[in-house]
Amino acid sequence: LARLRGHPGFREVRIDLEHRERMAALFAEERPER
């Protein structure tokens, strides 16, 4: 992860995939294209 943190275009989040509400909130907030 330290290799990624130096890039201005990187944002790190720590979530368990199985946490439905937090995953839904992540997609709603970030709106990734891919």
Full PDB file with SEQRES, HELIX, SHEET, SSBOND, CRYST1, ORIGX, SCALE, CONECT and MASTER records, all heavy atoms in Angstrom:
SEQRES   1 A   34  LEU ALA ARG LEU ARG GLY HIS PRO GLY PHE ARG GLU VAL          
SEQRES   2 A   34  ARG ILE ASP LEU GLU HIS ARG GLU ARG MET ALA ALA LEU          
SEQRES   3 A   34  PHE ALA GLU GLU ARG PRO GLU ARG                              
HELIX    1 AA1 ALA A    2  ARG A    5  1                                   4    
HELIX    2 AA2 ARG A   20  GLU A   30  1                                  11    
CRYST1    1.000    1.000    1.000  90.00  90.00  90.00 P 1           1          
ORIGX1      1.000000  0.000000  0.000000        0.00000                         
ORIGX2      0.000000  1.000000  0.000000        0.00000                         
ORIGX3      0.000000  0.000000  1.000000        0.00000                         
SCALE1      1.000000  0.000000  0.000000        0.00000                         
SCALE2      0.000000  1.000000  0.000000        0.00000                         
SCALE3      0.000000  0.000000  1.000000        0.00000                         
ATOM      1  N   LEU A   1       0.821  -1.216   0.000  1.00  0.00           N  
ATOM      2  CA  LEU A   1       0.000   0.000   0.000  1.00  0.00           C  
ATOM      3  C   LEU A   1       0.850   1.259   0.000  1.00  0.00           C  
ATOM      4  O   LEU A   1       0.456   2.277  -0.586  1.00  0.00           O  
ATOM      5  CB  LEU A   1      -0.933  -0.003   1.218  1.00  0.00           C  
ATOM      6  CG  LEU A   1      -2.135  -0.942   1.138  1.00  0.00           C  
ATOM      7  CD1 LEU A   1      -2.841  -1.016   2.484  1.00  0.00           C  
ATOM      8  CD2 LEU A   1      -3.110  -0.502   0.047  1.00  0.00           C  
ATOM      9  N   ALA A   2       2.021   1.192   0.628  1.00  0.00           N  
ATOM     10  CA  ALA A   2       2.902   2.364   0.654  1.00  0.00           C  
ATOM     11  C   ALA A   2       3.329   2.767  -0.752  1.00  0.00           C  
ATOM     12  O   ALA A   2       3.627   3.942  -0.997  1.00  0.00           O  
ATOM     13  CB  ALA A   2       4.130   2.058   1.520  1.00  0.00           C  
ATOM     14  N   ARG A   3       3.351   1.812  -1.679  1.00  0.00           N  
ATOM     15  CA  ARG A   3       3.706   2.138  -3.066  1.00  0.00           C  
ATOM     16  C   ARG A   3       2.638   3.006  -3.721  1.00  0.00           C  
ATOM     17  O   ARG A   3       2.917   3.722  -4.690  1.00  0.00           O  
ATOM     18  CB  ARG A   3       3.886   0.853  -3.886  1.00  0.00           C  
ATOM     19  CG  ARG A   3       4.924  -0.113  -3.347  1.00  0.00           C  
ATOM     20  CD  ARG A   3       5.337  -1.103  -4.404  1.00  0.00           C  
ATOM     21  NE  ARG A   3       4.251  -1.946  -4.870  1.00  0.00           N  
ATOM     22  CZ  ARG A   3       4.307  -2.681  -5.993  1.00  0.00           C  
ATOM     23  NH1 ARG A   3       5.386  -2.639  -6.770  1.00  0.00           N  
ATOM     24  NH2 ARG A   3       3.291  -3.450  -6.344  1.00  0.00           N  
ATOM     25  N   LEU A   4       1.415   2.932  -3.222  1.00  0.00           N  
ATOM     26  CA  LEU A   4       0.306   3.670  -3.830  1.00  0.00           C  
ATOM     27  C   LEU A   4       0.100   5.038  -3.196  1.00  0.00           C  
ATOM     28  O   LEU A   4      -0.390   5.966  -3.847  1.00  0.00           O  
ATOM     29  CB  LEU A   4      -0.995   2.868  -3.694  1.00  0.00           C  
ATOM     30  CG  LEU A   4      -0.979   1.411  -4.181  1.00  0.00           C  
ATOM     31  CD1 LEU A   4      -2.349   0.778  -3.963  1.00  0.00           C  
ATOM     32  CD2 LEU A   4      -0.577   1.326  -5.646  1.00  0.00           C  
ATOM     33  N   ARG A   5       0.459   5.165  -1.932  1.00  0.00           N  
ATOM     34  CA  ARG A   5       0.095   6.367  -1.172  1.00  0.00           C  
ATOM     35  C   ARG A   5       0.784   7.629  -1.657  1.00  0.00           C  
ATOM     36  O   ARG A   5       0.325   8.736  -1.371  1.00  0.00           O  
ATOM     37  CB  ARG A   5       0.386   6.132   0.311  1.00  0.00           C  
ATOM     38  CG  ARG A   5      -0.547   5.101   0.938  1.00  0.00           C  
ATOM     39  CD  ARG A   5      -0.215   4.854   2.380  1.00  0.00           C  
ATOM     40  NE  ARG A   5      -1.074   3.820   2.960  1.00  0.00           N  
ATOM     41  CZ  ARG A   5      -0.640   2.837   3.742  1.00  0.00           C  
ATOM     42  NH1 ARG A   5       0.648   2.773   4.061  1.00  0.00           N  
ATOM     43  NH2 ARG A   5      -1.478   1.956   4.224  1.00  0.00           N  
ATOM     44  N   GLY A   6       1.880   7.484  -2.376  1.00  0.00           N  
ATOM     45  CA  GLY A   6       2.557   8.672  -2.877  1.00  0.00           C  
ATOM     46  C   GLY A   6       1.922   9.287  -4.104  1.00  0.00           C  
ATOM     47  O   GLY A   6       2.341  10.357  -4.559  1.00  0.00           O  
ATOM     48  N   HIS A   7       0.911   8.648  -4.652  1.00  0.00           N  
ATOM     49  CA  HIS A   7       0.257   9.153  -5.869  1.00  0.00           C  
ATOM     50  C   HIS A   7      -0.942  10.023  -5.502  1.00  0.00           C  
ATOM     51  O   HIS A   7      -1.810   9.601  -4.728  1.00  0.00           O  
ATOM     52  CB  HIS A   7      -0.193   7.986  -6.748  1.00  0.00           C  
ATOM     53  CG  HIS A   7       0.940   7.240  -7.368  1.00  0.00           C  
ATOM     54  ND1 HIS A   7       1.441   7.538  -8.617  1.00  0.00           N  
ATOM     55  CD2 HIS A   7       1.690   6.213  -6.900  1.00  0.00           C  
ATOM     56  CE1 HIS A   7       2.441   6.715  -8.896  1.00  0.00           C  
ATOM     57  NE2 HIS A   7       2.610   5.899  -7.876  1.00  0.00           N  
ATOM     58  N   PRO A   8      -1.036  11.221  -6.072  1.00  0.00           N  
ATOM     59  CA  PRO A   8      -2.144  12.117  -5.713  1.00  0.00           C  
ATOM     60  C   PRO A   8      -3.512  11.582  -6.115  1.00  0.00           C  
ATOM     61  O   PRO A   8      -4.526  12.012  -5.554  1.00  0.00           O  
ATOM     62  CB  PRO A   8      -1.802  13.412  -6.460  1.00  0.00           C  
ATOM     63  CG  PRO A   8      -0.901  12.993  -7.583  1.00  0.00           C  
ATOM     64  CD  PRO A   8      -0.107  11.830  -7.042  1.00  0.00           C  
ATOM     65  N   GLY A   9      -3.566  10.673  -7.076  1.00  0.00           N  
ATOM     66  CA  GLY A   9      -4.848  10.153  -7.525  1.00  0.00           C  
ATOM     67  C   GLY A   9      -5.348   8.964  -6.735  1.00  0.00           C  
ATOM     68  O   GLY A   9      -6.331   8.331  -7.118  1.00  0.00           O  
ATOM     69  N   PHE A  10      -4.686   8.661  -5.590  1.00  0.00           N  
ATOM     70  CA  PHE A  10      -5.052   7.465  -4.822  1.00  0.00           C  
ATOM     71  C   PHE A  10      -5.797   7.831  -3.550  1.00  0.00           C  
ATOM     72  O   PHE A  10      -5.408   8.733  -2.819  1.00  0.00           O  
ATOM     73  CB  PHE A  10      -3.801   6.675  -4.453  1.00  0.00           C  
ATOM     74  CG  PHE A  10      -4.074   5.439  -3.625  1.00  0.00           C  
ATOM     75  CD1 PHE A  10      -4.798   4.387  -4.152  1.00  0.00           C  
ATOM     76  CD2 PHE A  10      -3.623   5.361  -2.314  1.00  0.00           C  
ATOM     77  CE1 PHE A  10      -5.058   3.256  -3.391  1.00  0.00           C  
ATOM     78  CE2 PHE A  10      -3.871   4.235  -1.541  1.00  0.00           C  
ATOM     79  CZ  PHE A  10      -4.589   3.174  -2.092  1.00  0.00           C  
ATOM     80  N   ARG A  11      -6.884   7.106  -3.298  1.00  0.00           N  
ATOM     81  CA  ARG A  11      -7.591   7.202  -2.024  1.00  0.00           C  
ATOM     82  C   ARG A  11      -7.760   5.795  -1.473  1.00  0.00           C  
ATOM     83  O   ARG A  11      -8.178   4.883  -2.194  1.00  0.00           O  
ATOM     84  CB  ARG A  11      -8.954   7.855  -2.195  1.00  0.00           C  
ATOM     85  CG  ARG A  11      -9.704   7.924  -0.853  1.00  0.00           C  
ATOM     86  CD  ARG A  11     -11.058   8.580  -0.947  1.00  0.00           C  
ATOM     87  NE  ARG A  11     -11.720   8.464   0.352  1.00  0.00           N  
ATOM     88  CZ  ARG A  11     -12.960   8.022   0.515  1.00  0.00           C  
ATOM     89  NH1 ARG A  11     -13.666   7.638  -0.514  1.00  0.00           N  
ATOM     90  NH2 ARG A  11     -13.495   7.956   1.716  1.00  0.00           N  
ATOM     91  N   GLU A  12      -7.433   5.611  -0.202  1.00  0.00           N  
ATOM     92  CA  GLU A  12      -7.471   4.298   0.434  1.00  0.00           C  
ATOM     93  C   GLU A  12      -8.690   4.180   1.333  1.00  0.00           C  
ATOM     94  O   GLU A  12      -8.992   5.088   2.106  1.00  0.00           O  
ATOM     95  CB  GLU A  12      -6.196   4.101   1.254  1.00  0.00           C  
ATOM     96  CG  GLU A  12      -6.113   2.774   1.978  1.00  0.00           C  
ATOM     97  CD  GLU A  12      -4.848   2.660   2.813  1.00  0.00           C  
ATOM     98  OE1 GLU A  12      -3.942   3.508   2.650  1.00  0.00           O  
ATOM     99  OE2 GLU A  12      -4.772   1.731   3.638  1.00  0.00           O  
ATOM    100  N   VAL A  13      -9.397   3.033   1.223  1.00  0.00           N  
ATOM    101  CA  VAL A  13     -10.504   2.744   2.133  1.00  0.00           C  
ATOM    102  C   VAL A  13     -10.336   1.325   2.651  1.00  0.00           C  
ATOM    103  O   VAL A  13      -9.857   0.446   1.932  1.00  0.00           O  
ATOM    104  CB  VAL A  13     -11.886   2.903   1.453  1.00  0.00           C  
ATOM    105  CG1 VAL A  13     -12.147   4.351   1.094  1.00  0.00           C  
ATOM    106  CG2 VAL A  13     -12.006   2.020   0.215  1.00  0.00           C  
ATOM    107  N   ARG A  14     -10.739   1.117   3.897  1.00  0.00           N  
ATOM    108  CA  ARG A  14     -10.646  -0.211   4.508  1.00  0.00           C  
ATOM    109  C   ARG A  14     -12.046  -0.663   4.913  1.00  0.00           C  
ATOM    110  O   ARG A  14     -12.629  -0.134   5.860  1.00  0.00           O  
ATOM    111  CB  ARG A  14      -9.696  -0.183   5.709  1.00  0.00           C  
ATOM    112  CG  ARG A  14      -8.280   0.183   5.308  1.00  0.00           C  
ATOM    113  CD  ARG A  14      -7.249  -0.213   6.330  1.00  0.00           C  
ATOM    114  NE  ARG A  14      -5.920   0.148   5.858  1.00  0.00           N  
ATOM    115  CZ  ARG A  14      -4.787  -0.223   6.445  1.00  0.00           C  
ATOM    116  NH1 ARG A  14      -4.821  -0.995   7.531  1.00  0.00           N  
ATOM    117  NH2 ARG A  14      -3.620   0.154   5.955  1.00  0.00           N  
ATOM    118  N   ILE A  15     -12.542  -1.624   4.149  1.00  0.00           N  
ATOM    119  CA  ILE A  15     -13.903  -2.126   4.340  1.00  0.00           C  
ATOM    120  C   ILE A  15     -13.891  -3.630   4.114  1.00  0.00           C  
ATOM    121  O   ILE A  15     -13.210  -4.131   3.220  1.00  0.00           O  
ATOM    122  CB  ILE A  15     -14.897  -1.464   3.351  1.00  0.00           C  
ATOM    123  CG1 ILE A  15     -14.945   0.053   3.548  1.00  0.00           C  
ATOM    124  CG2 ILE A  15     -16.297  -2.048   3.503  1.00  0.00           C  
ATOM    125  CD1 ILE A  15     -15.815   0.765   2.517  1.00  0.00           C  
ATOM    126  N   ASP A  16     -14.656  -4.363   4.903  1.00  0.00           N  
ATOM    127  CA  ASP A  16     -14.914  -5.769   4.616  1.00  0.00           C  
ATOM    128  C   ASP A  16     -15.954  -5.855   3.506  1.00  0.00           C  
ATOM    129  O   ASP A  16     -17.013  -5.217   3.591  1.00  0.00           O  
ATOM    130  CB  ASP A  16     -15.447  -6.491   5.860  1.00  0.00           C  
ATOM    131  CG  ASP A  16     -14.396  -6.651   6.942  1.00  0.00           C  
ATOM    132  OD1 ASP A  16     -13.207  -6.771   6.589  1.00  0.00           O  
ATOM    133  OD2 ASP A  16     -14.767  -6.645   8.131  1.00  0.00           O  
ATOM    134  N   LEU A  17     -15.670  -6.646   2.488  1.00  0.00           N  
ATOM    135  CA  LEU A  17     -16.599  -6.767   1.368  1.00  0.00           C  
ATOM    136  C   LEU A  17     -17.998  -7.175   1.804  1.00  0.00           C  
ATOM    137  O   LEU A  17     -18.996  -6.763   1.205  1.00  0.00           O  
ATOM    138  CB  LEU A  17     -16.084  -7.820   0.376  1.00  0.00           C  
ATOM    139  CG  LEU A  17     -14.846  -7.508  -0.444  1.00  0.00           C  
ATOM    140  CD1 LEU A  17     -14.467  -8.728  -1.271  1.00  0.00           C  
ATOM    141  CD2 LEU A  17     -15.065  -6.309  -1.349  1.00  0.00           C  
ATOM    142  N   GLU A  18     -18.085  -7.997   2.847  1.00  0.00           N  
ATOM    143  CA  GLU A  18     -19.390  -8.527   3.246  1.00  0.00           C  
ATOM    144  C   GLU A  18     -20.234  -7.520   4.024  1.00  0.00           C  
ATOM    145  O   GLU A  18     -21.393  -7.796   4.357  1.00  0.00           O  
ATOM    146  CB  GLU A  18     -19.223  -9.814   4.061  1.00  0.00           C  
ATOM    147  CG  GLU A  18     -18.373  -9.688   5.302  1.00  0.00           C  
ATOM    148  CD  GLU A  18     -16.916 -10.039   5.056  1.00  0.00           C  
ATOM    149  OE1 GLU A  18     -16.418  -9.800   3.942  1.00  0.00           O  
ATOM    150  OE2 GLU A  18     -16.281 -10.555   5.996  1.00  0.00           O  
ATOM    151  N   HIS A  19     -19.686  -6.327   4.325  1.00  0.00           N  
ATOM    152  CA  HIS A  19     -20.422  -5.291   5.055  1.00  0.00           C  
ATOM    153  C   HIS A  19     -21.299  -4.519   4.049  1.00  0.00           C  
ATOM    154  O   HIS A  19     -20.863  -3.573   3.404  1.00  0.00           O  
ATOM    155  CB  HIS A  19     -19.458  -4.348   5.764  1.00  0.00           C  
ATOM    156  CG  HIS A  19     -20.093  -3.540   6.855  1.00  0.00           C  
ATOM    157  ND1 HIS A  19     -21.117  -2.643   6.618  1.00  0.00           N  
ATOM    158  CD2 HIS A  19     -19.865  -3.504   8.193  1.00  0.00           C  
ATOM    159  CE1 HIS A  19     -21.480  -2.079   7.743  1.00  0.00           C  
ATOM    160  NE2 HIS A  19     -20.740  -2.584   8.719  1.00  0.00           N  
ATOM    161  N   ARG A  20     -22.546  -4.925   3.959  1.00  0.00           N  
ATOM    162  CA  ARG A  20     -23.425  -4.432   2.893  1.00  0.00           C  
ATOM    163  C   ARG A  20     -23.618  -2.924   2.932  1.00  0.00           C  
ATOM    164  O   ARG A  20     -23.512  -2.247   1.901  1.00  0.00           O  
ATOM    165  CB  ARG A  20     -24.783  -5.133   2.989  1.00  0.00           C  
ATOM    166  CG  ARG A  20     -25.759  -4.741   1.889  1.00  0.00           C  
ATOM    167  CD  ARG A  20     -27.054  -5.516   2.052  1.00  0.00           C  
ATOM    168  NE  ARG A  20     -26.788  -6.947   2.065  1.00  0.00           N  
ATOM    169  CZ  ARG A  20     -27.662  -7.856   2.542  1.00  0.00           C  
ATOM    170  NH1 ARG A  20     -28.801  -7.467   3.059  1.00  0.00           N  
ATOM    171  NH2 ARG A  20     -27.352  -9.129   2.490  1.00  0.00           N  
ATOM    172  N   GLU A  21     -23.890  -2.383   4.101  1.00  0.00           N  
ATOM    173  CA  GLU A  21     -24.192  -0.955   4.182  1.00  0.00           C  
ATOM    174  C   GLU A  21     -22.972  -0.103   3.832  1.00  0.00           C  
ATOM    175  O   GLU A  21     -23.085   0.905   3.121  1.00  0.00           O  
ATOM    176  CB  GLU A  21     -24.700  -0.602   5.588  1.00  0.00           C  
ATOM    177  CG  GLU A  21     -26.079  -1.153   5.930  1.00  0.00           C  
ATOM    178  CD  GLU A  21     -26.058  -2.643   6.269  1.00  0.00           C  
ATOM    179  OE1 GLU A  21     -24.938  -3.190   6.512  1.00  0.00           O  
ATOM    180  OE2 GLU A  21     -27.130  -3.267   6.272  1.00  0.00           O  
ATOM    181  N   ARG A  22     -21.805  -0.493   4.325  1.00  0.00           N  
ATOM    182  CA  ARG A  22     -20.598   0.288   4.034  1.00  0.00           C  
ATOM    183  C   ARG A  22     -20.215   0.181   2.563  1.00  0.00           C  
ATOM    184  O   ARG A  22     -19.750   1.163   1.965  1.00  0.00           O  
ATOM    185  CB  ARG A  22     -19.448  -0.173   4.923  1.00  0.00           C  
ATOM    186  CG  ARG A  22     -19.638   0.154   6.402  1.00  0.00           C  
ATOM    187  CD  ARG A  22     -18.370  -0.070   7.194  1.00  0.00           C  
ATOM    188  NE  ARG A  22     -17.332   0.882   6.799  1.00  0.00           N  
ATOM    189  CZ  ARG A  22     -16.059   0.796   7.174  1.00  0.00           C  
ATOM    190  NH1 ARG A  22     -15.662  -0.214   7.939  1.00  0.00           N  
ATOM    191  NH2 ARG A  22     -15.173   1.687   6.779  1.00  0.00           N  
ATOM    192  N   MET A  23     -20.417  -0.977   1.966  1.00  0.00           N  
ATOM    193  CA  MET A  23     -20.130  -1.123   0.536  1.00  0.00           C  
ATOM    194  C   MET A  23     -21.084  -0.269  -0.291  1.00  0.00           C  
ATOM    195  O   MET A  23     -20.675   0.395  -1.253  1.00  0.00           O  
ATOM    196  CB  MET A  23     -20.226  -2.587   0.129  1.00  0.00           C  
ATOM    197  CG  MET A  23     -19.093  -3.464   0.646  1.00  0.00           C  
ATOM    198  SD  MET A  23     -17.490  -3.043  -0.091  1.00  0.00           S  
ATOM    199  CE  MET A  23     -17.765  -3.590  -1.788  1.00  0.00           C  
ATOM    200  N   ALA A  24     -22.352  -0.274   0.075  1.00  0.00           N  
ATOM    201  CA  ALA A  24     -23.329   0.548  -0.656  1.00  0.00           C  
ATOM    202  C   ALA A  24     -22.980   2.030  -0.540  1.00  0.00           C  
ATOM    203  O   ALA A  24     -23.063   2.785  -1.521  1.00  0.00           O  
ATOM    204  CB  ALA A  24     -24.739   0.279  -0.117  1.00  0.00           C  
ATOM    205  N   ALA A  25     -22.567   2.448   0.659  1.00  0.00           N  
ATOM    206  CA  ALA A  25     -22.204   3.851   0.857  1.00  0.00           C  
ATOM    207  C   ALA A  25     -20.965   4.216   0.048  1.00  0.00           C  
ATOM    208  O   ALA A  25     -20.874   5.334  -0.490  1.00  0.00           O  
ATOM    209  CB  ALA A  25     -21.971   4.116   2.344  1.00  0.00           C  
ATOM    210  N   LEU A  26     -20.011   3.300  -0.053  1.00  0.00           N  
ATOM    211  CA  LEU A  26     -18.797   3.562  -0.835  1.00  0.00           C  
ATOM    212  C   LEU A  26     -19.137   3.804  -2.300  1.00  0.00           C  
ATOM    213  O   LEU A  26     -18.665   4.773  -2.908  1.00  0.00           O  
ATOM    214  CB  LEU A  26     -17.831   2.386  -0.702  1.00  0.00           C  
ATOM    215  CG  LEU A  26     -16.580   2.470  -1.581  1.00  0.00           C  
ATOM    216  CD1 LEU A  26     -15.649   3.566  -1.097  1.00  0.00           C  
ATOM    217  CD2 LEU A  26     -15.853   1.123  -1.609  1.00  0.00           C  
ATOM    218  N   PHE A  27     -19.957   2.954  -2.876  1.00  0.00           N  
ATOM    219  CA  PHE A  27     -20.322   3.121  -4.284  1.00  0.00           C  
ATOM    220  C   PHE A  27     -21.124   4.401  -4.489  1.00  0.00           C  
ATOM    221  O   PHE A  27     -20.939   5.103  -5.497  1.00  0.00           O  
ATOM    222  CB  PHE A  27     -21.121   1.908  -4.769  1.00  0.00           C  
ATOM    223  CG  PHE A  27     -20.272   0.765  -5.252  1.00  0.00           C  
ATOM    224  CD1 PHE A  27     -19.883  -0.242  -4.388  1.00  0.00           C  
ATOM    225  CD2 PHE A  27     -19.860   0.691  -6.572  1.00  0.00           C  
ATOM    226  CE1 PHE A  27     -19.104  -1.304  -4.828  1.00  0.00           C  
ATOM    227  CE2 PHE A  27     -19.075  -0.356  -7.032  1.00  0.00           C  
ATOM    228  CZ  PHE A  27     -18.692  -1.362  -6.148  1.00  0.00           C  
ATOM    229  N   ALA A  28     -22.000   4.715  -3.548  1.00  0.00           N  
ATOM    230  CA  ALA A  28     -22.805   5.927  -3.682  1.00  0.00           C  
ATOM    231  C   ALA A  28     -21.937   7.177  -3.607  1.00  0.00           C  
ATOM    232  O   ALA A  28     -22.188   8.162  -4.314  1.00  0.00           O  
ATOM    233  CB  ALA A  28     -23.874   5.960  -2.590  1.00  0.00           C  
ATOM    234  N   GLU A  29     -20.911   7.148  -2.771  1.00  0.00           N  
ATOM    235  CA  GLU A  29     -20.041   8.311  -2.603  1.00  0.00           C  
ATOM    236  C   GLU A  29     -19.047   8.455  -3.740  1.00  0.00           C  
ATOM    237  O   GLU A  29     -18.833   9.556  -4.266  1.00  0.00           O  
ATOM    238  CB  GLU A  29     -19.277   8.194  -1.281  1.00  0.00           C  
ATOM    239  CG  GLU A  29     -18.307   9.340  -1.033  1.00  0.00           C  
ATOM    240  CD  GLU A  29     -17.530   9.173   0.259  1.00  0.00           C  
ATOM    241  OE1 GLU A  29     -17.849   8.248   1.036  1.00  0.00           O  
ATOM    242  OE2 GLU A  29     -16.589   9.962   0.490  1.00  0.00           O  
ATOM    243  N   GLU A  30     -18.420   7.355  -4.149  1.00  0.00           N  
ATOM    244  CA  GLU A  30     -17.323   7.420  -5.117  1.00  0.00           C  
ATOM    245  C   GLU A  30     -17.791   7.393  -6.564  1.00  0.00           C  
ATOM    246  O   GLU A  30     -17.118   7.933  -7.451  1.00  0.00           O  
ATOM    247  CB  GLU A  30     -16.336   6.268  -4.876  1.00  0.00           C  
ATOM    248  CG  GLU A  30     -15.654   6.311  -3.527  1.00  0.00           C  
ATOM    249  CD  GLU A  30     -14.737   7.502  -3.365  1.00  0.00           C  
ATOM    250  OE1 GLU A  30     -14.355   8.132  -4.384  1.00  0.00           O  
ATOM    251  OE2 GLU A  30     -14.398   7.835  -2.213  1.00  0.00           O  
ATOM    252  N   ARG A  31     -18.910   6.737  -6.843  1.00  0.00           N  
ATOM    253  CA  ARG A  31     -19.441   6.622  -8.209  1.00  0.00           C  
ATOM    254  C   ARG A  31     -18.339   6.232  -9.207  1.00  0.00           C  
ATOM    255  O   ARG A  31     -18.075   6.948 -10.186  1.00  0.00           O  
ATOM    256  CB  ARG A  31     -20.087   7.933  -8.668  1.00  0.00           C  
ATOM    257  CG  ARG A  31     -21.094   8.520  -7.712  1.00  0.00           C  
ATOM    258  CD  ARG A  31     -22.287   7.657  -7.474  1.00  0.00           C  
ATOM    259  NE  ARG A  31     -23.102   7.468  -8.678  1.00  0.00           N  
ATOM    260  CZ  ARG A  31     -24.275   6.821  -8.688  1.00  0.00           C  
ATOM    261  NH1 ARG A  31     -24.744   6.291  -7.563  1.00  0.00           N  
ATOM    262  NH2 ARG A  31     -24.947   6.683  -9.784  1.00  0.00           N  
ATOM    263  N   PRO A  32     -17.666   5.099  -8.986  1.00  0.00           N  
ATOM    264  CA  PRO A  32     -16.583   4.725  -9.906  1.00  0.00           C  
ATOM    265  C   PRO A  32     -17.117   4.438 -11.308  1.00  0.00           C  
ATOM    266  O   PRO A  32     -18.238   3.941 -11.477  1.00  0.00           O  
ATOM    267  CB  PRO A  32     -16.023   3.445  -9.274  1.00  0.00           C  
ATOM    268  CG  PRO A  32     -17.166   2.881  -8.495  1.00  0.00           C  
ATOM    269  CD  PRO A  32     -17.918   4.065  -7.973  1.00  0.00           C  
ATOM    270  N   GLU A  33     -16.299   4.783 -12.301  1.00  0.00           N  
ATOM    271  CA  GLU A  33     -16.666   4.470 -13.685  1.00  0.00           C  
ATOM    272  C   GLU A  33     -16.358   3.015 -14.024  1.00  0.00           C  
ATOM    273  O   GLU A  33     -17.062   2.392 -14.822  1.00  0.00           O  
ATOM    274  CB  GLU A  33     -15.900   5.383 -14.639  1.00  0.00           C  
ATOM    275  CG  GLU A  33     -16.244   6.853 -14.469  1.00  0.00           C  
ATOM    276  CD  GLU A  33     -15.292   7.738 -15.242  1.00  0.00           C  
ATOM    277  OE1 GLU A  33     -14.220   8.079 -14.707  1.00  0.00           O  
ATOM    278  OE2 GLU A  33     -15.635   8.086 -16.399  1.00  0.00           O  
ATOM    279  N   ARG A  34     -15.256   2.507 -13.432  1.00  0.00           N  
ATOM    280  CA  ARG A  34     -14.854   1.122 -13.685  1.00  0.00           C  
ATOM    281  C   ARG A  34     -14.457   0.480 -12.360  1.00  0.00           C  
ATOM    282  O   ARG A  34     -13.952   1.145 -11.458  1.00  0.00           O  
ATOM    283  CB  ARG A  34     -13.677   1.071 -14.662  1.00  0.00           C  
ATOM    284  CG  ARG A  34     -13.968   1.765 -15.981  1.00  0.00           C  
ATOM    285  CD  ARG A  34     -12.847   1.610 -16.982  1.00  0.00           C  
ATOM    286  NE  ARG A  34     -11.596   2.174 -16.509  1.00  0.00           N  
ATOM    287  CZ  ARG A  34     -10.540   2.413 -17.294  1.00  0.00           C  
ATOM    288  NH1 ARG A  34     -10.620   2.126 -18.582  1.00  0.00           N  
ATOM    289  NH2 ARG A  34      -9.431   2.933 -16.799  1.00  0.00           N  
TER     290      ARG A  34                                                      
MASTER        0    0    0    2    0    0    0    6  289    1    0    3          
END                                                                             
